[in-house]
N, C-alpha and C. Protein backbone atom coordinates (compact mmCIF):
# COMPACT_ATOMS: atom_id res chain seq x y z
N UNK A 1 -14.95 -45.70 -2.04
CA UNK A 1 -14.39 -44.67 -2.90
C UNK A 1 -12.94 -45.05 -3.19
N UNK A 2 -12.52 -44.86 -4.42
CA UNK A 2 -11.16 -45.23 -4.81
C UNK A 2 -10.15 -44.20 -4.31
N UNK A 3 -8.90 -44.61 -4.27
CA UNK A 3 -7.82 -43.70 -3.84
C UNK A 3 -7.71 -42.53 -4.80
N UNK A 4 -7.91 -42.79 -6.08
CA UNK A 4 -7.84 -41.72 -7.09
C UNK A 4 -8.95 -40.69 -6.83
N UNK A 5 -10.15 -41.13 -6.53
CA UNK A 5 -11.27 -40.23 -6.27
C UNK A 5 -11.01 -39.41 -5.00
N UNK A 6 -10.48 -40.05 -3.97
CA UNK A 6 -10.17 -39.34 -2.73
C UNK A 6 -9.10 -38.28 -2.97
N UNK A 7 -8.06 -38.64 -3.72
CA UNK A 7 -6.99 -37.68 -4.03
C UNK A 7 -7.53 -36.49 -4.81
N UNK A 8 -8.40 -36.75 -5.78
CA UNK A 8 -9.00 -35.67 -6.56
C UNK A 8 -9.86 -34.78 -5.68
N UNK A 9 -10.65 -35.39 -4.81
CA UNK A 9 -11.51 -34.64 -3.90
C UNK A 9 -10.67 -33.76 -2.97
N UNK A 10 -9.58 -34.29 -2.43
CA UNK A 10 -8.70 -33.50 -1.57
C UNK A 10 -8.06 -32.35 -2.32
N UNK A 11 -7.65 -32.58 -3.55
CA UNK A 11 -7.05 -31.54 -4.37
C UNK A 11 -8.04 -30.41 -4.61
N UNK A 12 -9.26 -30.75 -5.00
CA UNK A 12 -10.28 -29.74 -5.28
C UNK A 12 -10.64 -28.99 -4.01
N UNK A 13 -10.79 -29.69 -2.90
CA UNK A 13 -11.17 -29.06 -1.64
C UNK A 13 -10.10 -28.12 -1.11
N UNK A 14 -8.83 -28.42 -1.37
CA UNK A 14 -7.76 -27.59 -0.83
C UNK A 14 -7.41 -26.40 -1.72
N UNK A 15 -7.85 -26.37 -2.95
CA UNK A 15 -7.48 -25.30 -3.88
C UNK A 15 -7.90 -23.92 -3.41
N UNK A 16 -9.15 -23.67 -2.98
CA UNK A 16 -9.49 -22.31 -2.54
C UNK A 16 -8.67 -21.86 -1.34
N UNK A 17 -8.39 -22.75 -0.40
CA UNK A 17 -7.59 -22.39 0.76
C UNK A 17 -6.19 -22.00 0.34
N UNK A 18 -5.60 -22.74 -0.56
CA UNK A 18 -4.26 -22.42 -1.05
C UNK A 18 -4.25 -21.07 -1.74
N UNK A 19 -5.29 -20.76 -2.49
CA UNK A 19 -5.36 -19.48 -3.19
C UNK A 19 -5.47 -18.32 -2.20
N UNK A 20 -6.18 -18.53 -1.08
CA UNK A 20 -6.36 -17.47 -0.11
C UNK A 20 -5.09 -17.20 0.68
N UNK A 21 -4.29 -18.23 0.93
CA UNK A 21 -3.13 -18.06 1.79
C UNK A 21 -1.84 -17.89 1.01
N UNK A 22 -1.90 -17.89 -0.31
CA UNK A 22 -0.69 -17.76 -1.12
C UNK A 22 -0.04 -16.40 -0.88
N UNK A 23 1.28 -16.39 -0.87
CA UNK A 23 2.03 -15.15 -0.69
C UNK A 23 1.83 -14.25 -1.90
N UNK A 24 1.87 -12.93 -1.69
CA UNK A 24 1.70 -12.02 -2.81
C UNK A 24 2.80 -12.22 -3.85
N UNK A 25 2.46 -11.97 -5.08
CA UNK A 25 3.40 -12.08 -6.18
C UNK A 25 4.52 -11.06 -6.02
N UNK A 26 5.67 -11.35 -6.62
CA UNK A 26 6.77 -10.38 -6.66
C UNK A 26 6.54 -9.33 -7.74
N UNK A 27 5.44 -9.43 -8.45
CA UNK A 27 5.14 -8.54 -9.57
C UNK A 27 4.39 -7.31 -9.07
N UNK A 28 5.06 -6.17 -8.99
CA UNK A 28 4.40 -4.96 -8.50
C UNK A 28 3.45 -4.35 -9.52
N UNK A 29 3.39 -4.90 -10.72
CA UNK A 29 2.46 -4.34 -11.72
C UNK A 29 1.01 -4.42 -11.24
N UNK A 30 0.70 -5.34 -10.32
CA UNK A 30 -0.66 -5.41 -9.76
C UNK A 30 -0.99 -4.13 -8.99
N UNK A 31 0.02 -3.40 -8.57
CA UNK A 31 -0.17 -2.15 -7.83
C UNK A 31 -0.16 -0.94 -8.75
N UNK A 32 -0.05 -1.15 -10.06
CA UNK A 32 0.07 -0.05 -11.01
C UNK A 32 -1.07 0.94 -10.98
N UNK A 33 -2.24 0.52 -10.51
CA UNK A 33 -3.40 1.41 -10.47
C UNK A 33 -3.18 2.61 -9.53
N UNK A 34 -2.22 2.53 -8.63
CA UNK A 34 -1.97 3.64 -7.71
C UNK A 34 -1.01 4.67 -8.33
N UNK A 35 -0.44 4.36 -9.49
CA UNK A 35 0.50 5.31 -10.10
C UNK A 35 -0.23 6.58 -10.50
N UNK A 36 0.49 7.69 -10.40
CA UNK A 36 -0.08 8.99 -10.71
C UNK A 36 -0.04 9.89 -9.49
N UNK A 37 -0.84 10.94 -9.53
CA UNK A 37 -0.84 11.95 -8.48
C UNK A 37 -2.17 11.97 -7.74
N UNK A 38 -2.09 12.08 -6.43
CA UNK A 38 -3.26 12.01 -5.55
C UNK A 38 -3.19 13.17 -4.56
N UNK A 39 -4.37 13.66 -4.17
CA UNK A 39 -4.39 14.81 -3.27
C UNK A 39 -5.54 14.70 -2.28
N UNK A 40 -5.28 15.18 -1.08
CA UNK A 40 -6.27 15.25 -0.01
C UNK A 40 -6.22 16.67 0.55
N UNK A 41 -7.36 17.35 0.53
CA UNK A 41 -7.44 18.71 1.07
C UNK A 41 -8.35 18.71 2.29
N UNK A 42 -7.87 19.30 3.37
CA UNK A 42 -8.66 19.45 4.60
C UNK A 42 -8.35 20.82 5.17
N UNK A 43 -9.15 21.80 4.79
CA UNK A 43 -8.89 23.18 5.20
C UNK A 43 -7.60 23.67 4.59
N UNK A 44 -6.71 24.19 5.43
CA UNK A 44 -5.42 24.71 4.95
C UNK A 44 -4.39 23.60 4.77
N UNK A 45 -4.74 22.38 5.17
CA UNK A 45 -3.81 21.24 5.09
C UNK A 45 -4.01 20.52 3.76
N UNK A 46 -2.92 20.34 3.01
CA UNK A 46 -2.96 19.64 1.72
C UNK A 46 -1.91 18.53 1.74
N UNK A 47 -2.36 17.31 1.49
CA UNK A 47 -1.45 16.17 1.38
C UNK A 47 -1.46 15.69 -0.06
N UNK A 48 -0.29 15.58 -0.64
CA UNK A 48 -0.13 15.11 -2.01
C UNK A 48 0.74 13.87 -2.01
N UNK A 49 0.35 12.89 -2.81
CA UNK A 49 1.14 11.67 -2.94
C UNK A 49 1.27 11.36 -4.43
N UNK A 50 2.46 11.01 -4.86
CA UNK A 50 2.72 10.73 -6.27
C UNK A 50 3.49 9.43 -6.39
N UNK A 51 3.03 8.56 -7.30
CA UNK A 51 3.68 7.27 -7.56
C UNK A 51 4.06 7.16 -9.02
N UNK A 52 5.29 6.73 -9.29
CA UNK A 52 5.71 6.43 -10.65
C UNK A 52 5.14 5.07 -11.04
N UNK A 53 4.87 4.89 -12.33
CA UNK A 53 4.37 3.61 -12.83
C UNK A 53 5.41 2.52 -12.61
N UNK A 54 4.97 1.27 -12.50
CA UNK A 54 5.93 0.17 -12.32
C UNK A 54 6.93 0.11 -13.48
N UNK A 55 8.19 -0.06 -13.14
CA UNK A 55 9.24 -0.22 -14.13
C UNK A 55 10.39 -0.96 -13.45
N UNK A 56 10.89 -1.99 -14.10
CA UNK A 56 11.97 -2.77 -13.52
C UNK A 56 11.59 -3.49 -12.24
N UNK A 57 10.30 -3.75 -12.07
CA UNK A 57 9.82 -4.45 -10.89
C UNK A 57 9.71 -3.58 -9.65
N UNK A 58 9.72 -2.26 -9.84
CA UNK A 58 9.71 -1.33 -8.71
C UNK A 58 8.77 -0.16 -9.00
N UNK A 59 8.15 0.37 -7.96
CA UNK A 59 7.43 1.65 -8.03
C UNK A 59 8.07 2.58 -7.00
N UNK A 60 8.25 3.84 -7.37
CA UNK A 60 8.79 4.84 -6.46
C UNK A 60 7.73 5.90 -6.23
N UNK A 61 7.67 6.40 -5.00
CA UNK A 61 6.67 7.40 -4.67
C UNK A 61 7.22 8.43 -3.70
N UNK A 62 6.42 9.46 -3.51
CA UNK A 62 6.76 10.50 -2.54
C UNK A 62 5.48 11.17 -2.10
N UNK A 63 5.53 11.74 -0.92
CA UNK A 63 4.37 12.50 -0.46
C UNK A 63 4.86 13.71 0.33
N UNK A 64 3.98 14.69 0.43
CA UNK A 64 4.26 15.84 1.27
C UNK A 64 2.94 16.40 1.77
N UNK A 65 3.01 16.95 2.96
CA UNK A 65 1.86 17.62 3.55
C UNK A 65 2.27 19.05 3.84
N UNK A 66 1.46 19.98 3.35
CA UNK A 66 1.72 21.39 3.59
C UNK A 66 0.53 22.01 4.32
N UNK A 67 0.83 23.02 5.09
CA UNK A 67 -0.20 23.84 5.72
C UNK A 67 0.16 25.28 5.37
N UNK A 68 -0.72 25.92 4.62
CA UNK A 68 -0.48 27.29 4.15
C UNK A 68 0.91 27.43 3.51
N UNK A 69 1.20 26.53 2.57
CA UNK A 69 2.44 26.53 1.80
C UNK A 69 3.71 26.28 2.62
N UNK A 70 3.58 25.76 3.81
CA UNK A 70 4.74 25.36 4.61
C UNK A 70 4.74 23.84 4.73
N UNK A 71 5.84 23.21 4.34
CA UNK A 71 5.92 21.75 4.40
C UNK A 71 5.99 21.31 5.86
N UNK A 72 5.05 20.44 6.24
CA UNK A 72 5.00 19.91 7.61
C UNK A 72 5.55 18.48 7.68
N UNK A 73 5.29 17.70 6.64
CA UNK A 73 5.74 16.31 6.59
C UNK A 73 6.07 15.97 5.15
N UNK A 74 7.01 15.03 4.97
CA UNK A 74 7.32 14.52 3.64
C UNK A 74 7.80 13.09 3.80
N UNK A 75 7.74 12.35 2.70
CA UNK A 75 8.08 10.93 2.77
C UNK A 75 8.54 10.42 1.41
N UNK A 76 9.60 9.61 1.42
CA UNK A 76 10.03 8.88 0.23
C UNK A 76 9.48 7.47 0.34
N UNK A 77 8.99 6.92 -0.77
CA UNK A 77 8.32 5.61 -0.77
C UNK A 77 8.92 4.71 -1.85
N UNK A 78 9.02 3.43 -1.53
CA UNK A 78 9.53 2.42 -2.45
C UNK A 78 8.62 1.21 -2.35
N UNK A 79 8.23 0.67 -3.49
CA UNK A 79 7.43 -0.56 -3.52
C UNK A 79 8.14 -1.52 -4.46
N UNK A 80 8.69 -2.59 -3.91
CA UNK A 80 9.42 -3.54 -4.73
C UNK A 80 10.06 -4.62 -3.87
N UNK A 81 10.91 -5.44 -4.50
CA UNK A 81 11.54 -6.55 -3.77
C UNK A 81 12.42 -6.05 -2.63
N UNK A 82 12.21 -6.62 -1.47
CA UNK A 82 12.99 -6.31 -0.28
C UNK A 82 13.04 -7.57 0.57
N UNK A 83 14.21 -8.06 0.84
CA UNK A 83 14.33 -9.25 1.68
C UNK A 83 13.61 -10.46 1.12
N UNK A 84 13.60 -10.61 -0.20
CA UNK A 84 13.00 -11.79 -0.81
C UNK A 84 11.51 -11.71 -1.08
N UNK A 85 10.90 -10.57 -0.77
CA UNK A 85 9.47 -10.42 -1.08
C UNK A 85 9.16 -8.94 -1.33
N UNK A 86 7.98 -8.68 -1.87
CA UNK A 86 7.59 -7.31 -2.15
C UNK A 86 7.27 -6.61 -0.83
N UNK A 87 7.75 -5.38 -0.70
CA UNK A 87 7.47 -4.59 0.50
C UNK A 87 7.27 -3.13 0.12
N UNK A 88 6.56 -2.45 0.97
CA UNK A 88 6.36 -1.00 0.93
C UNK A 88 7.38 -0.45 1.92
N UNK A 89 8.31 0.35 1.44
CA UNK A 89 9.35 0.90 2.30
C UNK A 89 9.14 2.40 2.38
N UNK A 90 8.95 2.90 3.60
CA UNK A 90 8.69 4.32 3.82
C UNK A 90 9.85 4.94 4.58
N UNK A 91 10.24 6.13 4.14
CA UNK A 91 11.25 6.92 4.85
C UNK A 91 10.63 8.29 5.10
N UNK A 92 9.98 8.46 6.26
CA UNK A 92 9.24 9.70 6.52
C UNK A 92 10.10 10.82 7.11
N UNK A 93 10.02 11.98 6.51
CA UNK A 93 10.64 13.21 7.02
C UNK A 93 12.05 13.02 7.55
N UNK A 94 12.87 12.26 6.81
CA UNK A 94 14.26 12.07 7.17
C UNK A 94 14.52 11.05 8.27
N UNK A 95 13.48 10.37 8.74
CA UNK A 95 13.66 9.34 9.77
C UNK A 95 14.17 8.06 9.13
N UNK A 96 14.45 7.06 9.96
CA UNK A 96 14.89 5.76 9.45
C UNK A 96 13.78 5.13 8.61
N UNK A 97 14.18 4.41 7.58
CA UNK A 97 13.19 3.75 6.74
C UNK A 97 12.62 2.52 7.44
N UNK A 98 11.38 2.19 7.09
CA UNK A 98 10.71 1.02 7.64
C UNK A 98 10.08 0.25 6.51
N UNK A 99 10.28 -1.06 6.50
CA UNK A 99 9.69 -1.93 5.47
C UNK A 99 8.42 -2.58 6.01
N UNK A 100 7.39 -2.61 5.15
CA UNK A 100 6.12 -3.26 5.45
C UNK A 100 5.89 -4.30 4.36
N UNK A 101 6.16 -5.58 4.63
CA UNK A 101 5.96 -6.61 3.61
C UNK A 101 4.51 -6.67 3.13
N UNK A 102 4.35 -6.96 1.84
CA UNK A 102 3.01 -7.06 1.24
C UNK A 102 2.32 -8.33 1.72
N UNK A 103 1.05 -8.18 2.07
CA UNK A 103 0.21 -9.34 2.37
C UNK A 103 -0.89 -9.48 1.33
N UNK A 104 -1.16 -8.41 0.57
CA UNK A 104 -2.13 -8.49 -0.53
C UNK A 104 -1.79 -7.45 -1.58
N UNK A 105 -1.69 -7.89 -2.83
CA UNK A 105 -1.53 -7.00 -3.99
C UNK A 105 -2.59 -7.41 -4.98
N UNK A 106 -3.59 -6.57 -5.18
CA UNK A 106 -4.65 -6.90 -6.13
C UNK A 106 -5.00 -5.67 -6.95
N UNK A 107 -5.92 -5.84 -7.88
CA UNK A 107 -6.34 -4.74 -8.74
C UNK A 107 -7.18 -3.71 -8.00
N UNK A 108 -7.54 -3.98 -6.74
CA UNK A 108 -8.37 -3.03 -6.00
C UNK A 108 -7.86 -2.75 -4.58
N UNK A 109 -6.87 -3.50 -4.11
CA UNK A 109 -6.39 -3.30 -2.75
C UNK A 109 -4.93 -3.70 -2.60
N UNK A 110 -4.20 -2.89 -1.84
CA UNK A 110 -2.82 -3.18 -1.48
C UNK A 110 -2.75 -3.16 0.04
N UNK A 111 -2.19 -4.22 0.63
CA UNK A 111 -2.09 -4.31 2.09
C UNK A 111 -0.66 -4.68 2.46
N UNK A 112 -0.09 -3.92 3.39
CA UNK A 112 1.28 -4.12 3.86
C UNK A 112 1.26 -4.13 5.38
N UNK A 113 2.05 -5.03 5.99
CA UNK A 113 2.05 -5.13 7.45
C UNK A 113 3.45 -5.30 8.01
N UNK A 114 3.67 -4.67 9.16
CA UNK A 114 4.89 -4.84 9.94
C UNK A 114 4.51 -4.76 11.42
N UNK A 115 4.17 -5.90 12.03
CA UNK A 115 3.72 -5.88 13.42
C UNK A 115 4.80 -5.45 14.42
N UNK A 116 6.07 -5.42 14.00
CA UNK A 116 7.15 -4.99 14.89
C UNK A 116 7.29 -3.47 14.94
N UNK A 117 6.63 -2.76 14.03
CA UNK A 117 6.73 -1.30 14.00
C UNK A 117 5.77 -0.69 15.01
N UNK A 118 6.11 0.50 15.54
CA UNK A 118 5.24 1.11 16.55
C UNK A 118 3.91 1.57 15.94
N UNK A 119 3.94 2.55 15.07
CA UNK A 119 2.73 3.01 14.38
C UNK A 119 3.17 3.66 13.09
N UNK A 120 2.53 3.29 12.00
CA UNK A 120 1.50 2.26 11.87
C UNK A 120 2.12 0.87 11.77
N UNK A 121 1.29 -0.13 11.92
CA UNK A 121 1.71 -1.51 11.70
C UNK A 121 1.12 -2.07 10.42
N UNK A 122 0.11 -1.40 9.90
CA UNK A 122 -0.58 -1.86 8.69
C UNK A 122 -0.89 -0.65 7.82
N UNK A 123 -0.62 -0.79 6.52
CA UNK A 123 -0.90 0.25 5.53
C UNK A 123 -1.77 -0.37 4.45
N UNK A 124 -2.88 0.30 4.14
CA UNK A 124 -3.84 -0.22 3.16
C UNK A 124 -4.14 0.87 2.14
N UNK A 125 -4.13 0.49 0.87
CA UNK A 125 -4.63 1.36 -0.21
C UNK A 125 -5.82 0.63 -0.82
N UNK A 126 -6.99 1.29 -0.82
CA UNK A 126 -8.20 0.68 -1.37
C UNK A 126 -8.70 1.54 -2.53
N UNK A 127 -8.79 0.95 -3.69
CA UNK A 127 -9.25 1.65 -4.89
C UNK A 127 -10.75 1.91 -4.81
N UNK A 128 -11.15 3.13 -5.18
CA UNK A 128 -12.57 3.49 -5.20
C UNK A 128 -12.85 4.16 -6.54
N UNK A 129 -12.96 3.33 -7.57
CA UNK A 129 -13.13 3.86 -8.92
C UNK A 129 -11.78 4.25 -9.50
N UNK A 130 -11.82 4.93 -10.63
CA UNK A 130 -10.56 5.28 -11.30
C UNK A 130 -9.94 6.57 -10.76
N UNK A 131 -10.73 7.38 -10.05
CA UNK A 131 -10.24 8.69 -9.64
C UNK A 131 -10.20 8.92 -8.14
N UNK A 132 -10.35 7.87 -7.35
CA UNK A 132 -10.23 8.05 -5.90
C UNK A 132 -9.74 6.77 -5.24
N UNK A 133 -9.13 6.95 -4.10
CA UNK A 133 -8.67 5.82 -3.29
C UNK A 133 -8.68 6.25 -1.83
N UNK A 134 -8.72 5.26 -0.97
CA UNK A 134 -8.61 5.49 0.47
C UNK A 134 -7.30 4.84 0.91
N UNK A 135 -6.40 5.64 1.44
CA UNK A 135 -5.21 5.09 2.09
C UNK A 135 -5.53 5.06 3.58
N UNK A 136 -5.10 4.00 4.25
CA UNK A 136 -5.41 3.86 5.68
C UNK A 136 -4.17 3.33 6.40
N UNK A 137 -3.89 3.92 7.55
CA UNK A 137 -2.84 3.39 8.41
C UNK A 137 -3.49 2.93 9.71
N UNK A 138 -2.99 1.80 10.24
CA UNK A 138 -3.59 1.22 11.44
C UNK A 138 -2.49 0.74 12.38
N UNK A 139 -2.81 0.73 13.65
CA UNK A 139 -1.89 0.20 14.64
C UNK A 139 -2.26 0.65 16.03
N UNK A 140 -1.49 0.20 17.02
CA UNK A 140 -1.79 0.57 18.40
C UNK A 140 -1.33 1.99 18.70
N UNK A 141 -2.17 2.69 19.42
CA UNK A 141 -1.85 4.05 19.85
C UNK A 141 -2.55 4.29 21.18
N UNK A 142 -1.80 4.62 22.19
CA UNK A 142 -2.40 4.86 23.50
C UNK A 142 -3.09 3.63 24.07
N UNK A 143 -2.56 2.45 23.76
CA UNK A 143 -3.13 1.22 24.28
C UNK A 143 -4.34 0.70 23.53
N UNK A 144 -4.74 1.38 22.45
CA UNK A 144 -5.89 0.95 21.66
C UNK A 144 -5.51 0.88 20.19
N UNK A 145 -6.20 0.03 19.44
CA UNK A 145 -6.00 -0.02 18.00
C UNK A 145 -6.65 1.21 17.38
N UNK A 146 -5.92 1.88 16.52
CA UNK A 146 -6.40 3.10 15.87
C UNK A 146 -6.23 2.97 14.36
N UNK A 147 -7.02 3.73 13.65
CA UNK A 147 -6.90 3.79 12.20
C UNK A 147 -7.14 5.21 11.73
N UNK A 148 -6.39 5.61 10.72
CA UNK A 148 -6.55 6.94 10.13
C UNK A 148 -6.75 6.76 8.63
N UNK A 149 -7.83 7.33 8.11
CA UNK A 149 -8.14 7.26 6.68
C UNK A 149 -7.68 8.52 5.96
N UNK A 150 -7.19 8.32 4.74
CA UNK A 150 -6.77 9.41 3.87
C UNK A 150 -7.52 9.26 2.55
N UNK A 151 -8.64 9.95 2.37
CA UNK A 151 -9.39 9.84 1.12
C UNK A 151 -8.78 10.75 0.04
N UNK A 152 -8.09 10.13 -0.90
CA UNK A 152 -7.40 10.86 -1.96
C UNK A 152 -8.24 10.92 -3.22
N UNK A 153 -8.10 12.03 -3.94
CA UNK A 153 -8.66 12.19 -5.28
C UNK A 153 -7.50 12.27 -6.26
N UNK A 154 -7.67 11.64 -7.43
CA UNK A 154 -6.64 11.73 -8.46
C UNK A 154 -6.62 13.16 -9.00
N UNK A 155 -5.41 13.70 -9.17
CA UNK A 155 -5.23 15.04 -9.72
C UNK A 155 -4.18 14.97 -10.82
N UNK A 156 -4.15 15.99 -11.65
CA UNK A 156 -3.13 16.06 -12.69
C UNK A 156 -1.77 16.26 -12.04
N UNK A 157 -0.78 15.57 -12.56
CA UNK A 157 0.59 15.76 -12.08
C UNK A 157 1.13 17.00 -12.77
N UNK A 158 1.63 17.91 -12.00
CA UNK A 158 2.13 19.14 -12.60
C UNK A 158 3.31 19.66 -11.82
N UNK A 159 4.00 20.58 -12.43
CA UNK A 159 5.18 21.13 -11.78
C UNK A 159 4.92 22.47 -11.15
N UNK A 160 4.49 23.42 -11.93
CA UNK A 160 4.34 24.77 -11.42
C UNK A 160 2.93 25.08 -10.98
N UNK A 161 2.75 26.32 -10.66
CA UNK A 161 1.42 26.76 -10.21
C UNK A 161 0.70 27.43 -11.32
């Protein structure tokens, strides 16, 4: 076999591996499908999450959880360049912010990880059609790996009642 044929064979064979391990793009527009308003209802507990559409290479979001009209938790969210790569930055209920660098940005899934954080260490948004998504947080809790799913439905963004 010629050197040219071997080089071509190596190039073709390595292409899928390179595509799988490539770092996520700095373009947050791949995450645009999560923009809008989302809601999860579980009895008296209501969690709402809202994301602005990508603009200027950034998406901004916020969430709140209420129980019988009393706010229990809230969070400011940022998705954009941080430390040279795209990250999901969460600032929950006035606590210190935490960055979760992106490991996957696609038209159907967003994955962010920070193994140095206590809980969660991994945040996943999985698209389920145009009107629903599953958000999931994962990490160690009580010496075991745990995961919590948040099945959201798309709702109209509105101001008043």
